[in-house]
PDB file of N, CA and C in Angstrom:
ATOM      1  N   UNK A   1      -5.409  -3.277 -12.632  1.00  0.00           N
ATOM      2  CA  UNK A   1      -6.186  -2.732 -11.541  1.00  0.00           C
ATOM      3  C   UNK A   1      -6.497  -1.269 -11.850  1.00  0.00           C
ATOM      4  N   UNK A   2      -7.722  -0.892 -11.758  1.00  0.00           N
ATOM      5  CA  UNK A   2      -8.165   0.485 -12.012  1.00  0.00           C
ATOM      6  C   UNK A   2      -7.920   1.354 -10.768  1.00  0.00           C
ATOM      7  N   UNK A   3      -7.967   2.666 -10.975  1.00  0.00           N
ATOM      8  CA  UNK A   3      -7.720   3.600  -9.881  1.00  0.00           C
ATOM      9  C   UNK A   3      -8.646   3.350  -8.693  1.00  0.00           C
ATOM     10  N   UNK A   4      -9.924   3.169  -8.970  1.00  0.00           N
ATOM     11  CA  UNK A   4     -10.873   2.980  -7.864  1.00  0.00           C
ATOM     12  C   UNK A   4     -10.596   1.675  -7.115  1.00  0.00           C
ATOM     13  N   UNK A   5     -10.112   0.663  -7.817  1.00  0.00           N
ATOM     14  CA  UNK A   5      -9.764  -0.606  -7.159  1.00  0.00           C
ATOM     15  C   UNK A   5      -8.526  -0.424  -6.275  1.00  0.00           C
ATOM     16  N   UNK A   6      -7.576   0.354  -6.757  1.00  0.00           N
ATOM     17  CA  UNK A   6      -6.375   0.627  -5.968  1.00  0.00           C
ATOM     18  C   UNK A   6      -6.749   1.406  -4.707  1.00  0.00           C
ATOM     19  N   UNK A   7      -7.597   2.414  -4.878  1.00  0.00           N
ATOM     20  CA  UNK A   7      -8.023   3.217  -3.720  1.00  0.00           C
ATOM     21  C   UNK A   7      -8.807   2.380  -2.710  1.00  0.00           C
ATOM     22  N   UNK A   8      -9.610   1.457  -3.196  1.00  0.00           N
ATOM     23  CA  UNK A   8     -10.342   0.554  -2.304  1.00  0.00           C
ATOM     24  C   UNK A   8      -9.360  -0.326  -1.539  1.00  0.00           C
ATOM     25  N   UNK A   9      -8.342  -0.823  -2.223  1.00  0.00           N
ATOM     26  CA  UNK A   9      -7.312  -1.651  -1.589  1.00  0.00           C
ATOM     27  C   UNK A   9      -6.556  -0.845  -0.532  1.00  0.00           C
ATOM     28  N   UNK A  10      -6.208   0.396  -0.859  1.00  0.00           N
ATOM     29  CA  UNK A  10      -5.520   1.265   0.098  1.00  0.00           C
ATOM     30  C   UNK A  10      -6.376   1.456   1.336  1.00  0.00           C
ATOM     31  N   UNK A  11      -7.640   1.718   1.140  1.00  0.00           N
ATOM     32  CA  UNK A  11      -8.560   1.912   2.265  1.00  0.00           C
ATOM     33  C   UNK A  11      -8.626   0.667   3.150  1.00  0.00           C
ATOM     34  N   UNK A  12      -8.686  -0.500   2.535  1.00  0.00           N
ATOM     35  CA  UNK A  12      -8.743  -1.754   3.301  1.00  0.00           C
ATOM     36  C   UNK A  12      -7.458  -1.969   4.093  1.00  0.00           C
ATOM     37  N   UNK A  13      -6.320  -1.652   3.489  1.00  0.00           N
ATOM     38  CA  UNK A  13      -5.043  -1.813   4.189  1.00  0.00           C
ATOM     39  C   UNK A  13      -4.931  -0.858   5.368  1.00  0.00           C
ATOM     40  N   UNK A  14      -5.372   0.376   5.179  1.00  0.00           N
ATOM     41  CA  UNK A  14      -5.339   1.364   6.264  1.00  0.00           C
ATOM     42  C   UNK A  14      -6.275   0.927   7.396  1.00  0.00           C
ATOM     43  N   UNK A  15      -7.447   0.426   7.042  1.00  0.00           N
ATOM     44  CA  UNK A  15      -8.389  -0.064   8.057  1.00  0.00           C
ATOM     45  C   UNK A  15      -7.768  -1.200   8.860  1.00  0.00           C
ATOM     46  N   UNK A  16      -7.123  -2.127   8.168  1.00  0.00           N
ATOM     47  CA  UNK A  16      -6.475  -3.237   8.869  1.00  0.00           C
ATOM     48  C   UNK A  16      -5.363  -2.735   9.794  1.00  0.00           C
ATOM     49  N   UNK A  17      -4.613  -1.754   9.324  1.00  0.00           N
ATOM     50  CA  UNK A  17      -3.547  -1.186  10.156  1.00  0.00           C
ATOM     51  C   UNK A  17      -4.123  -0.589  11.437  1.00  0.00           C
ATOM     52  N   UNK A  18      -5.215   0.138  11.310  1.00  0.00           N
ATOM     53  CA  UNK A  18      -5.861   0.741  12.493  1.00  0.00           C
ATOM     54  C   UNK A  18      -6.372  -0.348  13.440  1.00  0.00           C
ATOM     55  N   UNK A  19      -6.963  -1.393  12.876  1.00  0.00           N
ATOM     56  CA  UNK A  19      -7.468  -2.496  13.706  1.00  0.00           C
ATOM     57  C   UNK A  19      -6.332  -3.180  14.458  1.00  0.00           C
ATOM     58  N   UNK A  20      -5.203  -3.376  13.782  1.00  0.00           N
ATOM     59  CA  UNK A  20      -4.049  -3.987  14.447  1.00  0.00           C
ATOM     60  C   UNK A  20      -3.556  -3.132  15.602  1.00  0.00           C
ATOM     61  N   UNK A  21      -3.486  -1.848  15.366  1.00  0.00           N
ATOM     62  CA  UNK A  21      -3.013  -0.946  16.440  1.00  0.00           C
ATOM     63  C   UNK A  21      -3.990  -0.952  17.619  1.00  0.00           C
ATOM     64  N   UNK A  22      -5.287  -1.030  17.330  1.00  0.00           N
ATOM     65  CA  UNK A  22      -6.279  -1.107  18.412  1.00  0.00           C
ATOM     66  C   UNK A  22      -6.141  -2.410  19.187  1.00  0.00           C
ATOM     67  N   UNK A  23      -5.924  -3.528  18.487  1.00  0.00           N
ATOM     68  CA  UNK A  23      -5.745  -4.822  19.151  1.00  0.00           C
ATOM     69  C   UNK A  23      -4.487  -4.817  20.004  1.00  0.00           C
ATOM     70  N   UNK A  24      -3.448  -4.177  19.505  1.00  0.00           N
ATOM     71  CA  UNK A  24      -2.208  -4.077  20.268  1.00  0.00           C
ATOM     72  C   UNK A  24      -2.451  -3.295  21.552  1.00  0.00           C
ATOM     73  N   UNK A  25      -3.172  -2.189  21.434  1.00  0.00           N
ATOM     74  CA  UNK A  25      -3.480  -1.365  22.612  1.00  0.00           C
ATOM     75  C   UNK A  25      -4.322  -2.134  23.623  1.00  0.00           C
ATOM     76  N   UNK A  26      -5.184  -3.013  23.126  1.00  0.00           N
ATOM     77  CA  UNK A  26      -6.061  -3.795  24.003  1.00  0.00           C
ATOM     78  C   UNK A  26      -5.364  -5.046  24.539  1.00  0.00           C
ATOM     79  N   UNK A  27      -4.115  -5.273  24.135  1.00  0.00           N
ATOM     80  CA  UNK A  27      -3.382  -6.435  24.611  1.00  0.00           C
ATOM     81  C   UNK A  27      -3.738  -7.737  23.915  1.00  0.00           C
ATOM     82  N   UNK A  28      -4.393  -7.641  22.774  1.00  0.00           N
ATOM     83  CA  UNK A  28      -4.802  -8.839  22.038  1.00  0.00           C
ATOM     84  C   UNK A  28      -3.704  -9.378  21.123  1.00  0.00           C
ATOM     85  N   UNK A  29      -2.657  -8.574  20.905  1.00  0.00           N
ATOM     86  CA  UNK A  29      -1.538  -8.981  20.060  1.00  0.00           C
ATOM     87  C   UNK A  29      -0.235  -8.646  20.763  1.00  0.00           C
ATOM     88  N   UNK A  30       0.792  -9.429  20.474  1.00  0.00           N
ATOM     89  CA  UNK A  30       2.112  -9.065  20.978  1.00  0.00           C
ATOM     90  C   UNK A  30       2.685  -7.998  20.059  1.00  0.00           C
ATOM     91  N   UNK A  31       3.637  -7.261  20.546  1.00  0.00           N
ATOM     92  CA  UNK A  31       4.232  -6.219  19.710  1.00  0.00           C
ATOM     93  C   UNK A  31       4.954  -6.831  18.508  1.00  0.00           C
ATOM     94  N   UNK A  32       5.531  -8.032  18.666  1.00  0.00           N
ATOM     95  CA  UNK A  32       6.193  -8.689  17.535  1.00  0.00           C
ATOM     96  C   UNK A  32       5.193  -9.028  16.436  1.00  0.00           C
ATOM     97  N   UNK A  33       4.026  -9.536  16.824  1.00  0.00           N
ATOM     98  CA  UNK A  33       2.990  -9.861  15.837  1.00  0.00           C
ATOM     99  C   UNK A  33       2.539  -8.597  15.123  1.00  0.00           C
ATOM    100  N   UNK A  34       2.326  -7.562  15.896  1.00  0.00           N
ATOM    101  CA  UNK A  34       1.854  -6.308  15.322  1.00  0.00           C
ATOM    102  C   UNK A  34       2.896  -5.723  14.377  1.00  0.00           C
ATOM    103  N   UNK A  35       4.136  -5.675  14.814  1.00  0.00           N
ATOM    104  CA  UNK A  35       5.182  -5.062  13.993  1.00  0.00           C
ATOM    105  C   UNK A  35       5.399  -5.815  12.684  1.00  0.00           C
ATOM    106  N   UNK A  36       5.339  -7.137  12.732  1.00  0.00           N
ATOM    107  CA  UNK A  36       5.524  -7.931  11.511  1.00  0.00           C
ATOM    108  C   UNK A  36       4.419  -7.632  10.504  1.00  0.00           C
ATOM    109  N   UNK A  37       3.185  -7.620  10.972  1.00  0.00           N
ATOM    110  CA  UNK A  37       2.066  -7.373  10.055  1.00  0.00           C
ATOM    111  C   UNK A  37       2.056  -5.920   9.589  1.00  0.00           C
ATOM    112  N   UNK A  38       2.390  -4.983  10.474  1.00  0.00           N
ATOM    113  CA  UNK A  38       2.425  -3.567  10.092  1.00  0.00           C
ATOM    114  C   UNK A  38       3.443  -3.366   8.970  1.00  0.00           C
ATOM    115  N   UNK A  39       4.587  -4.032   9.068  1.00  0.00           N
ATOM    116  CA  UNK A  39       5.604  -3.924   8.020  1.00  0.00           C
ATOM    117  C   UNK A  39       5.052  -4.415   6.683  1.00  0.00           C
ATOM    118  N   UNK A  40       4.335  -5.534   6.707  1.00  0.00           N
ATOM    119  CA  UNK A  40       3.714  -6.055   5.482  1.00  0.00           C
ATOM    120  C   UNK A  40       2.702  -5.060   4.914  1.00  0.00           C
ATOM    121  N   UNK A  41       1.904  -4.482   5.807  1.00  0.00           N
ATOM    122  CA  UNK A  41       0.894  -3.510   5.366  1.00  0.00           C
ATOM    123  C   UNK A  41       1.546  -2.267   4.765  1.00  0.00           C
ATOM    124  N   UNK A  42       2.604  -1.777   5.402  1.00  0.00           N
ATOM    125  CA  UNK A  42       3.291  -0.592   4.895  1.00  0.00           C
ATOM    126  C   UNK A  42       3.857  -0.846   3.501  1.00  0.00           C
ATOM    127  N   UNK A  43       4.419  -2.029   3.297  1.00  0.00           N
ATOM    128  CA  UNK A  43       4.966  -2.377   1.986  1.00  0.00           C
ATOM    129  C   UNK A  43       3.856  -2.440   0.939  1.00  0.00           C
ATOM    130  N   UNK A  44       2.750  -3.090   1.291  1.00  0.00           N
ATOM    131  CA  UNK A  44       1.618  -3.185   0.357  1.00  0.00           C
ATOM    132  C   UNK A  44       1.063  -1.795   0.044  1.00  0.00           C
ATOM    133  N   UNK A  45       0.987  -0.931   1.044  1.00  0.00           N
ATOM    134  CA  UNK A  45       0.509   0.438   0.816  1.00  0.00           C
ATOM    135  C   UNK A  45       1.454   1.193  -0.116  1.00  0.00           C
ATOM    136  N   UNK A  46       2.753   1.053   0.109  1.00  0.00           N
ATOM    137  CA  UNK A  46       3.722   1.714  -0.763  1.00  0.00           C
ATOM    138  C   UNK A  46       3.560   1.250  -2.211  1.00  0.00           C
ATOM    139  N   UNK A  47       3.345  -0.045  -2.399  1.00  0.00           N
ATOM    140  CA  UNK A  47       3.154  -0.573  -3.750  1.00  0.00           C
ATOM    141  C   UNK A  47       1.874  -0.026  -4.386  1.00  0.00           C
ATOM    142  N   UNK A  48       0.815   0.044  -3.611  1.00  0.00           N
ATOM    143  CA  UNK A  48      -0.449   0.578  -4.138  1.00  0.00           C
ATOM    144  C   UNK A  48      -0.310   2.044  -4.524  1.00  0.00           C
ATOM    145  N   UNK A  49       0.288   2.849  -3.638  1.00  0.00           N
ATOM    146  CA  UNK A  49       0.463   4.274  -3.946  1.00  0.00           C
ATOM    147  C   UNK A  49       1.356   4.453  -5.158  1.00  0.00           C
ATOM    148  N   UNK A  50       2.403   3.640  -5.277  1.00  0.00           N
ATOM    149  CA  UNK A  50       3.288   3.731  -6.432  1.00  0.00           C
ATOM    150  C   UNK A  50       2.524   3.429  -7.721  1.00  0.00           C
ATOM    151  N   UNK A  51       1.731   2.382  -7.708  1.00  0.00           N
ATOM    152  CA  UNK A  51       0.949   2.018  -8.888  1.00  0.00           C
ATOM    153  C   UNK A  51      -0.037   3.126  -9.248  1.00  0.00           C
ATOM    154  N   UNK A  52      -0.691   3.692  -8.243  1.00  0.00           N
ATOM    155  CA  UNK A  52      -1.635   4.779  -8.497  1.00  0.00           C
ATOM    156  C   UNK A  52      -0.916   5.988  -9.098  1.00  0.00           C
ATOM    157  N   UNK A  53       0.278   6.324  -8.573  1.00  0.00           N
ATOM    158  CA  UNK A  53       1.052   7.445  -9.128  1.00  0.00           C
ATOM    159  C   UNK A  53       1.455   7.169 -10.574  1.00  0.00           C
ATOM    160  N   UNK A  54       1.866   5.934 -10.850  1.00  0.00           N
ATOM    161  CA  UNK A  54       2.229   5.573 -12.226  1.00  0.00           C
ATOM    162  C   UNK A  54       1.042   5.773 -13.163  1.00  0.00           C
ATOM    163  N   UNK A  55      -0.123   5.293 -12.735  1.00  0.00           N
ATOM    164  CA  UNK A  55      -1.319   5.406 -13.570  1.00  0.00           C
ATOM    165  C   UNK A  55      -1.658   6.874 -13.831  1.00  0.00           C
ATOM    166  N   UNK A  56      -1.579   7.693 -12.787  1.00  0.00           N
ATOM    167  CA  UNK A  56      -1.898   9.114 -12.940  1.00  0.00           C
ATOM    168  C   UNK A  56      -0.881   9.814 -13.838  1.00  0.00           C
ATOM    169  N   UNK A  57       0.385   9.457 -13.696  1.00  0.00           N
ATOM    170  CA  UNK A  57       1.431  10.066 -14.528  1.00  0.00           C
ATOM    171  C   UNK A  57       1.235   9.678 -15.991  1.00  0.00           C
ATOM    172  N   UNK A  58       0.923   8.424 -16.241  1.00  0.00           N
ATOM    173  CA  UNK A  58       0.698   7.976 -17.615  1.00  0.00           C
ATOM    174  C   UNK A  58      -0.514   8.694 -18.213  1.00  0.00           C
ATOM    175  N   UNK A  59      -1.575   8.814 -17.427  1.00  0.00           N
ATOM    176  CA  UNK A  59      -2.782   9.492 -17.915  1.00  0.00           C
ATOM    177  C   UNK A  59      -2.461  10.949 -18.236  1.00  0.00           C
ATOM    178  N   UNK A  60      -1.722  11.604 -17.359  1.00  0.00           N
ATOM    179  CA  UNK A  60      -1.398  13.013 -17.566  1.00  0.00           C
ATOM    180  C   UNK A  60      -0.461  13.220 -18.763  1.00  0.00           C
ATOM    181  N   UNK A  61       0.312  12.190 -19.110  1.00  0.00           N
ATOM    182  CA  UNK A  61       1.204  12.264 -20.274  1.00  0.00           C
ATOM    183  C   UNK A  61       0.510  11.811 -21.552  1.00  0.00           C
ATOM    184  N   UNK A  62      -0.794  11.532 -21.460  1.00  0.00           N
ATOM    185  CA  UNK A  62      -1.550  11.109 -22.624  1.00  0.00           C
ATOM    186  C   UNK A  62      -1.351   9.644 -22.982  1.00  0.00           C
ATOM    187  N   UNK A  63      -0.807   8.872 -22.038  1.00  0.00           N
ATOM    188  CA  UNK A  63      -0.586   7.447 -22.262  1.00  0.00           C
ATOM    189  C   UNK A  63      -1.686   6.633 -21.592  1.00  0.00           C
ATOM    190  N   UNK A  64      -1.734   5.372 -21.930  1.00  0.00           N
ATOM    191  CA  UNK A  64      -2.719   4.456 -21.353  1.00  0.00           C
ATOM    192  C   UNK A  64      -2.324   4.105 -19.917  1.00  0.00           C
ATOM    193  N   UNK A  65      -3.162   4.443 -18.938  1.00  0.00           N
ATOM    194  CA  UNK A  65      -2.829   4.128 -17.545  1.00  0.00           C
ATOM    195  C   UNK A  65      -2.753   2.625 -17.282  1.00  0.00           C
ATOM    196  N   UNK A  66      -3.402   1.837 -18.124  1.00  0.00           N
ATOM    197  CA  UNK A  66      -3.349   0.394 -17.939  1.00  0.00           C
ATOM    198  C   UNK A  66      -1.981  -0.187 -18.263  1.00  0.00           C
ATOM    199  N   UNK A  67      -1.093   0.632 -18.819  1.00  0.00           N
ATOM    200  CA  UNK A  67       0.275   0.197 -19.075  1.00  0.00           C
ATOM    201  C   UNK A  67       1.139   0.209 -17.827  1.00  0.00           C
ATOM    202  N   UNK A  68       0.637   0.794 -16.754  1.00  0.00           N
ATOM    203  CA  UNK A  68       1.368   0.813 -15.484  1.00  0.00           C
ATOM    204  C   UNK A  68       1.315  -0.576 -14.857  1.00  0.00           C
ATOM    205  N   UNK A  69       2.374  -0.907 -14.144  1.00  0.00           N
ATOM    206  CA  UNK A  69       2.384  -2.214 -13.480  1.00  0.00           C
ATOM    207  C   UNK A  69       2.972  -2.078 -12.085  1.00  0.00           C
ATOM    208  N   UNK A  70       2.528  -2.970 -11.222  1.00  0.00           N
ATOM    209  CA  UNK A  70       3.011  -2.957  -9.841  1.00  0.00           C
ATOM    210  C   UNK A  70       4.496  -3.297  -9.829  1.00  0.00           C
ATOM    211  N   UNK A  71       5.237  -2.542  -9.060  1.00  0.00           N
ATOM    212  CA  UNK A  71       6.664  -2.798  -8.903  1.00  0.00           C
ATOM    213  C   UNK A  71       6.878  -3.711  -7.701  1.00  0.00           C
ATOM    214  N   UNK A  72       8.007  -4.374  -7.693  1.00  0.00           N
ATOM    215  CA  UNK A  72       8.316  -5.286  -6.583  1.00  0.00           C
ATOM    216  C   UNK A  72       8.458  -4.511  -5.284  1.00  0.00           C
ATOM    217  N   UNK A  73       8.253  -5.211  -4.189  1.00  0.00           N
ATOM    218  CA  UNK A  73       8.385  -4.596  -2.871  1.00  0.00           C
ATOM    219  C   UNK A  73       9.789  -4.039  -2.672  1.00  0.00           C
ATOM    220  N   UNK A  74      10.804  -4.785  -3.101  1.00  0.00           N
ATOM    221  CA  UNK A  74      12.170  -4.319  -2.900  1.00  0.00           C
ATOM    222  C   UNK A  74      12.445  -3.038  -3.678  1.00  0.00           C
ATOM    223  N   UNK A  75      11.880  -2.919  -4.863  1.00  0.00           N
ATOM    224  CA  UNK A  75      12.076  -1.702  -5.658  1.00  0.00           C
ATOM    225  C   UNK A  75      11.377  -0.514  -5.008  1.00  0.00           C
ATOM    226  N   UNK A  76      10.140  -0.698  -4.615  1.00  0.00           N
ATOM    227  CA  UNK A  76       9.364   0.388  -4.028  1.00  0.00           C
ATOM    228  C   UNK A  76       9.940   0.809  -2.676  1.00  0.00           C
ATOM    229  N   UNK A  77      10.382  -0.142  -1.888  1.00  0.00           N
ATOM    230  CA  UNK A  77      10.889   0.165  -0.554  1.00  0.00           C
ATOM    231  C   UNK A  77      12.257   0.854  -0.589  1.00  0.00           C
ATOM    232  N   UNK A  78      12.944   0.790  -1.709  1.00  0.00           N
ATOM    233  CA  UNK A  78      14.274   1.406  -1.780  1.00  0.00           C
ATOM    234  C   UNK A  78      14.289   2.744  -2.496  1.00  0.00           C
ATOM    235  N   UNK A  79      13.120   3.320  -2.747  1.00  0.00           N
ATOM    236  CA  UNK A  79      13.060   4.650  -3.342  1.00  0.00           C
ATOM    237  C   UNK A  79      13.636   5.661  -2.371  1.00  0.00           C
ATOM    238  N   UNK A  80      14.260   6.651  -2.921  1.00  0.00           N
ATOM    239  CA  UNK A  80      14.746   7.768  -2.094  1.00  0.00           C
ATOM    240  C   UNK A  80      13.674   8.850  -2.112  1.00  0.00           C
ATOM    241  N   UNK A  81      13.445   9.450  -0.976  1.00  0.00           N
ATOM    242  CA  UNK A  81      12.431  10.508  -0.866  1.00  0.00           C
ATOM    243  C   UNK A  81      13.020  11.838  -1.276  1.00  0.00           C
TER     244      UNK A  81
END
């Protein structure tokens, strides 16, 4: 996945998150439905940002950014800030 494809994916995930929050506010979703999907979206966003950071780091180190690969959700979600 190229940088622009990752950024497009991030944008789509953020848009979906906003739509879910709007539906929740309008009473179209239960909070359980919203929270479950929001958690999935947050995980997918974390994976996308991680992949984008890997690609940028590889490029800045003079390496091929295509050597970066998506990490598992469990790995990305357990990073320490």
